[in-house]
Amino acid sequence: MSRILSLALVAALAVGCNVPKNYNSNNTHLTLAAQSTLTTAVGQQIKGSLRREDRVAIVNLDGPSTEDAEIIAIVEDALVMALINNQVTVVERDSEGLRGVVQEGSGQQLEYTVTGHTEGENEPMLLDAALVTGGGPTRVLVNGGSFVEVPPNTAFLDQGPDGGDDRLTTHDPDLKNEVVAASKILAYRIVDVQIRDYTYKRQTYRFANVVLAVRIVDAEYGTVVWSGTIQNVVEDKVPAIIAPKLRR
């Protein structure tokens, strides 16, 4: 009886060893490496250059880049997290984030309306909710000739009696909100943020390299109060057979 029980236990252990394991994608591995690296660096290298009452804006010294947008997003998200985790106040400077701040902070109530359009004559109506900022579309008769559809948030300007001299003018949405200015700027330049790997004996070793040039700038005077390099490598390994799938 004990022999049968032992065999069953061995079989159960063998099955357990074959249970598939979940591995982080290369993108997730790099994201987590950037977060851990920068949280440590802010706490050990940078925090001493910031006062408790400082408000920090994060700025890319190389400016926006569509080619490196994914890497920039990983770095800036990690920098925000690193500062917050070290009890440093961060001011929002992401354009989409600021759009939400302006919209939601412009008043106690926001007016929305239902809009609809079709992709074609026989296609179903697609409904959505749009923020009301300047009224809906209006049809205007141009110089006694044809009608034109005036888009929302625009106005029609009749400049004269002749055709072709009329034009549409766009009005800015009536949404305004003031946000606090930064007292310090955390400016960074990406030196190397990527994953390198190599395969050995059916294992793929992944090295997440995070190298940034960073400086702290006093926003009032434009003086650099701290400058340095943040560098770290975070290693893990995955079965070589699944490594290609994790690169996607």
Protein backbone atom coordinates (compact mmCIF):
# COMPACT_ATOMS: atom_id res chain seq x y z
CA MET A 1 0.00 0.00 0.00
CA SER A 2 2.83 2.36 0.90
CA ARG A 3 4.52 1.61 -2.42
CA ILE A 4 1.37 2.60 -4.33
CA LEU A 5 1.11 5.80 -2.28
CA SER A 6 4.75 6.66 -3.01
CA LEU A 7 4.26 6.14 -6.74
CA ALA A 8 1.18 8.36 -6.69
CA LEU A 9 3.13 11.07 -4.88
CA VAL A 10 5.97 10.92 -7.40
CA ALA A 11 3.48 11.12 -10.27
CA ALA A 12 1.77 14.13 -8.70
CA LEU A 13 5.10 15.91 -8.28
CA ALA A 14 6.03 15.17 -11.88
CA VAL A 15 2.76 16.64 -13.13
CA GLY A 16 3.26 19.69 -10.91
CA CYS A 17 6.68 20.33 -12.42
CA ASN A 18 5.11 20.47 -15.88
CA VAL A 19 2.60 23.18 -15.01
CA PRO A 20 3.25 26.10 -17.40
CA LYS A 21 4.75 29.20 -15.79
CA ASN A 22 3.89 32.74 -16.71
CA TYR A 23 6.84 34.92 -17.75
CA ASN A 24 6.88 38.68 -18.14
CA SER A 25 7.16 40.02 -21.66
CA ASN A 26 10.29 41.98 -22.58
CA ASN A 27 8.27 45.19 -22.31
CA THR A 28 7.05 44.32 -18.81
CA HIS A 29 10.53 43.24 -17.72
CA LEU A 30 11.97 46.56 -18.91
CA THR A 31 9.14 48.54 -17.26
CA LEU A 32 9.64 46.86 -13.89
CA ALA A 33 13.42 47.27 -14.16
CA ALA A 34 13.03 51.01 -14.82
CA GLN A 35 10.64 51.40 -11.89
CA SER A 36 12.87 49.60 -9.38
CA THR A 37 16.03 51.31 -10.66
CA LEU A 38 14.64 54.85 -10.58
CA THR A 39 12.86 54.45 -7.22
CA THR A 40 16.18 53.44 -5.67
CA ALA A 41 18.10 56.20 -7.48
CA VAL A 42 15.68 58.94 -6.43
CA GLY A 43 15.90 57.80 -2.82
CA GLN A 44 19.69 57.51 -2.77
CA GLN A 45 20.98 60.08 -5.28
CA ILE A 46 18.38 62.71 -6.08
CA LYS A 47 16.09 63.23 -3.09
CA GLY A 48 18.71 65.22 -1.19
CA SER A 49 18.54 67.94 -3.88
CA LEU A 50 14.78 68.42 -3.37
CA ARG A 51 13.01 70.17 -0.52
CA ARG A 52 9.83 68.84 1.04
CA GLU A 53 7.81 71.76 -0.37
CA ASP A 54 9.19 71.37 -3.93
CA ARG A 55 6.92 70.61 -6.87
CA VAL A 56 8.73 68.69 -9.62
CA ALA A 57 8.04 68.65 -13.37
CA ILE A 58 9.60 65.90 -15.51
CA VAL A 59 11.13 67.06 -18.80
CA ASN A 60 12.79 65.12 -21.61
CA LEU A 61 15.91 67.07 -22.67
CA ASP A 62 15.70 65.60 -26.19
CA GLY A 63 12.08 66.67 -26.66
CA PRO A 64 9.20 64.52 -27.94
CA SER A 65 9.93 61.65 -30.31
CA THR A 66 7.41 59.39 -32.02
CA GLU A 67 10.13 56.85 -32.76
CA ASP A 68 11.03 56.38 -29.07
CA ALA A 69 7.58 57.15 -27.66
CA GLU A 70 7.19 53.76 -25.96
CA ILE A 71 10.57 53.99 -24.20
CA ILE A 72 9.93 57.62 -23.18
CA ALA A 73 6.60 56.57 -21.69
CA ILE A 74 8.27 53.78 -19.68
CA VAL A 75 10.91 56.19 -18.35
CA GLU A 76 8.51 59.01 -17.46
CA ASP A 77 6.00 56.69 -15.79
CA ALA A 78 8.86 55.20 -13.75
CA LEU A 79 10.17 58.66 -12.79
CA VAL A 80 6.73 59.77 -11.60
CA MET A 81 6.39 56.57 -9.55
CA ALA A 82 9.91 56.95 -8.16
CA LEU A 83 9.30 60.52 -6.99
CA ILE A 84 5.91 59.74 -5.47
CA ASN A 85 7.30 56.67 -3.68
CA ASN A 86 9.93 58.97 -2.16
CA GLN A 87 7.29 61.48 -0.98
CA VAL A 88 8.13 64.07 -3.63
CA THR A 89 5.30 66.12 -5.19
CA VAL A 90 5.02 65.81 -8.98
CA VAL A 91 3.14 68.22 -11.26
CA GLU A 92 1.39 66.74 -14.29
CA ARG A 93 2.92 67.73 -17.61
CA ASP A 94 1.73 64.96 -19.92
CA SER A 95 -0.46 66.60 -22.59
CA GLU A 96 -3.25 64.03 -22.31
CA GLY A 97 -3.11 64.18 -18.52
CA LEU A 98 -3.30 67.99 -18.59
CA ARG A 99 -6.26 67.84 -20.99
CA GLY A 100 -8.12 65.83 -18.37
CA VAL A 101 -7.03 68.24 -15.63
CA VAL A 102 -8.33 71.26 -17.58
CA GLN A 103 -11.57 69.52 -18.50
CA GLU A 104 -12.36 68.14 -15.06
CA GLY A 105 -11.07 71.19 -13.18
CA SER A 106 -12.88 73.85 -15.23
CA GLY A 107 -16.07 73.81 -13.18
CA GLN A 108 -18.40 71.85 -10.93
CA GLN A 109 -20.42 70.53 -13.88
CA LEU A 110 -19.65 69.53 -17.46
CA GLU A 111 -22.26 69.52 -20.22
CA TYR A 112 -22.31 66.55 -22.59
CA THR A 113 -24.50 65.71 -25.55
CA VAL A 114 -25.16 62.61 -27.63
CA THR A 115 -23.57 62.53 -31.06
CA GLY A 116 -23.96 60.02 -33.87
CA HIS A 117 -22.54 59.14 -37.26
CA THR A 118 -22.49 56.28 -39.73
CA GLU A 119 -19.57 54.80 -41.62
CA GLY A 120 -21.73 54.42 -44.74
CA GLU A 121 -25.25 54.67 -46.11
CA ASN A 122 -26.18 51.14 -45.02
CA GLU A 123 -24.11 51.08 -41.84
CA PRO A 124 -25.63 51.33 -38.34
CA MET A 125 -25.64 54.58 -36.40
CA LEU A 126 -22.76 54.86 -33.94
CA LEU A 127 -23.60 56.87 -30.84
CA ASP A 128 -21.20 58.58 -28.45
CA ALA A 129 -21.18 61.29 -25.80
CA ALA A 130 -19.30 64.49 -26.61
CA LEU A 131 -18.42 67.41 -24.38
CA VAL A 132 -20.50 70.46 -25.30
CA THR A 133 -18.21 73.44 -25.75
CA GLY A 134 -19.69 75.42 -28.60
CA GLY A 135 -22.93 73.91 -29.81
CA GLY A 136 -23.66 71.32 -32.46
CA PRO A 137 -23.16 71.50 -36.24
CA THR A 138 -25.08 74.15 -38.15
CA ARG A 139 -26.06 74.30 -41.84
CA VAL A 140 -25.31 77.66 -43.47
CA LEU A 141 -26.36 78.95 -46.89
CA VAL A 142 -23.25 80.28 -48.67
CA ASN A 143 -23.91 83.36 -50.80
CA GLY A 144 -27.36 82.14 -51.78
CA GLY A 145 -25.83 79.04 -53.36
CA SER A 146 -25.16 75.74 -51.58
CA PHE A 147 -25.40 74.72 -47.97
CA VAL A 148 -22.31 73.91 -45.93
CA GLU A 149 -22.15 72.01 -42.67
CA VAL A 150 -20.41 74.04 -39.98
CA PRO A 151 -18.60 71.71 -37.53
CA PRO A 152 -19.01 72.06 -33.76
CA ASN A 153 -16.90 74.76 -32.09
CA THR A 154 -16.68 76.79 -35.31
CA ALA A 155 -18.39 79.89 -36.64
CA PHE A 156 -19.15 80.94 -40.20
CA LEU A 157 -17.69 84.25 -41.37
CA ASP A 158 -19.23 85.91 -44.44
CA GLN A 159 -16.54 88.19 -45.82
CA GLY A 160 -18.30 89.52 -48.89
CA PRO A 161 -20.85 89.02 -51.65
CA ASP A 162 -18.67 86.85 -53.87
CA GLY A 163 -18.48 83.07 -53.68
CA GLY A 164 -15.30 81.55 -52.29
CA ASP A 165 -14.47 84.35 -49.88
CA ASP A 166 -16.37 82.86 -46.94
CA ARG A 167 -14.51 80.86 -44.33
CA LEU A 168 -14.93 79.04 -41.04
CA THR A 169 -13.26 80.25 -37.88
CA THR A 170 -12.57 77.95 -34.97
CA HIS A 171 -13.34 78.89 -31.38
CA ASP A 172 -11.39 77.45 -28.47
CA PRO A 173 -13.51 75.40 -26.06
CA ASP A 174 -14.67 77.42 -23.09
CA LEU A 175 -12.69 75.29 -20.64
CA LYS A 176 -10.02 76.85 -18.49
CA ASN A 177 -8.16 75.77 -15.40
CA GLU A 178 -5.01 76.98 -13.68
CA VAL A 179 -2.44 74.43 -12.50
CA VAL A 180 0.40 75.01 -10.09
CA ALA A 181 3.86 75.77 -11.52
CA ALA A 182 6.89 73.61 -10.78
CA SER A 183 9.62 74.82 -8.44
CA LYS A 184 12.12 72.19 -9.67
CA ILE A 185 12.55 70.38 -12.97
CA LEU A 186 13.80 66.83 -13.22
CA ALA A 187 15.35 66.83 -16.69
CA TYR A 188 16.54 63.56 -18.19
CA ARG A 189 18.19 62.23 -21.31
CA ILE A 190 17.91 58.57 -22.32
CA VAL A 191 21.35 57.03 -22.80
CA ASP A 192 20.36 53.37 -22.97
CA VAL A 193 17.01 51.84 -22.05
CA GLN A 194 16.54 48.48 -23.71
CA ILE A 195 16.81 44.71 -23.28
CA ARG A 196 19.73 42.62 -24.46
CA ASP A 197 19.65 38.84 -24.24
CA TYR A 198 21.63 35.73 -25.08
CA THR A 199 20.81 32.04 -25.02
CA TYR A 200 22.84 29.36 -23.26
CA LYS A 201 21.84 25.76 -22.55
CA ARG A 202 18.16 26.23 -23.40
CA GLN A 203 17.87 29.34 -21.24
CA THR A 204 17.62 32.91 -22.48
CA TYR A 205 19.17 35.47 -20.16
CA ARG A 206 17.58 38.92 -20.40
CA PHE A 207 19.40 42.06 -19.30
CA ALA A 208 17.24 45.16 -18.86
CA ASN A 209 19.64 48.10 -19.18
CA VAL A 210 18.55 51.45 -17.71
CA VAL A 211 20.98 54.35 -18.19
CA LEU A 212 19.81 57.97 -17.85
CA ALA A 213 21.58 61.31 -17.62
CA VAL A 214 19.61 63.32 -15.07
CA ARG A 215 19.76 66.84 -13.71
CA ILE A 216 17.70 68.84 -11.21
CA VAL A 217 17.05 72.43 -12.29
CA ASP A 218 15.77 75.29 -10.14
CA ALA A 219 12.77 76.52 -12.15
CA GLU A 220 12.93 80.08 -10.82
CA TYR A 221 16.60 80.77 -11.60
CA GLY A 222 17.36 78.13 -14.23
CA THR A 223 20.36 76.85 -12.30
CA VAL A 224 21.35 73.18 -12.19
CA VAL A 225 21.45 72.07 -8.54
CA TRP A 226 22.29 68.40 -9.18
CA SER A 227 23.52 66.34 -12.12
CA GLY A 228 24.42 62.70 -12.44
CA THR A 229 23.99 59.38 -14.22
CA ILE A 230 21.59 56.65 -13.19
CA GLN A 231 22.67 53.20 -14.31
CA ASN A 232 21.52 49.68 -13.54
CA VAL A 233 21.03 46.26 -15.14
CA VAL A 234 18.24 43.92 -14.05
CA GLU A 235 18.70 40.30 -15.11
CA ASP A 236 16.33 37.36 -15.35
CA LYS A 237 16.11 34.18 -17.41
CA VAL A 238 13.36 32.43 -19.35
CA PRO A 239 13.18 29.16 -21.29
CA ALA A 240 14.72 29.71 -24.70
CA ILE A 241 11.76 28.06 -26.42
CA ILE A 242 9.36 30.84 -25.35
CA ALA A 243 11.79 33.80 -25.50
CA PRO A 244 10.78 34.80 -29.08
CA LYS A 245 7.13 35.14 -28.01
CA LEU A 246 8.09 37.43 -25.12
CA ARG A 247 9.78 39.89 -27.51
CA ARG A 248 6.49 40.77 -29.18
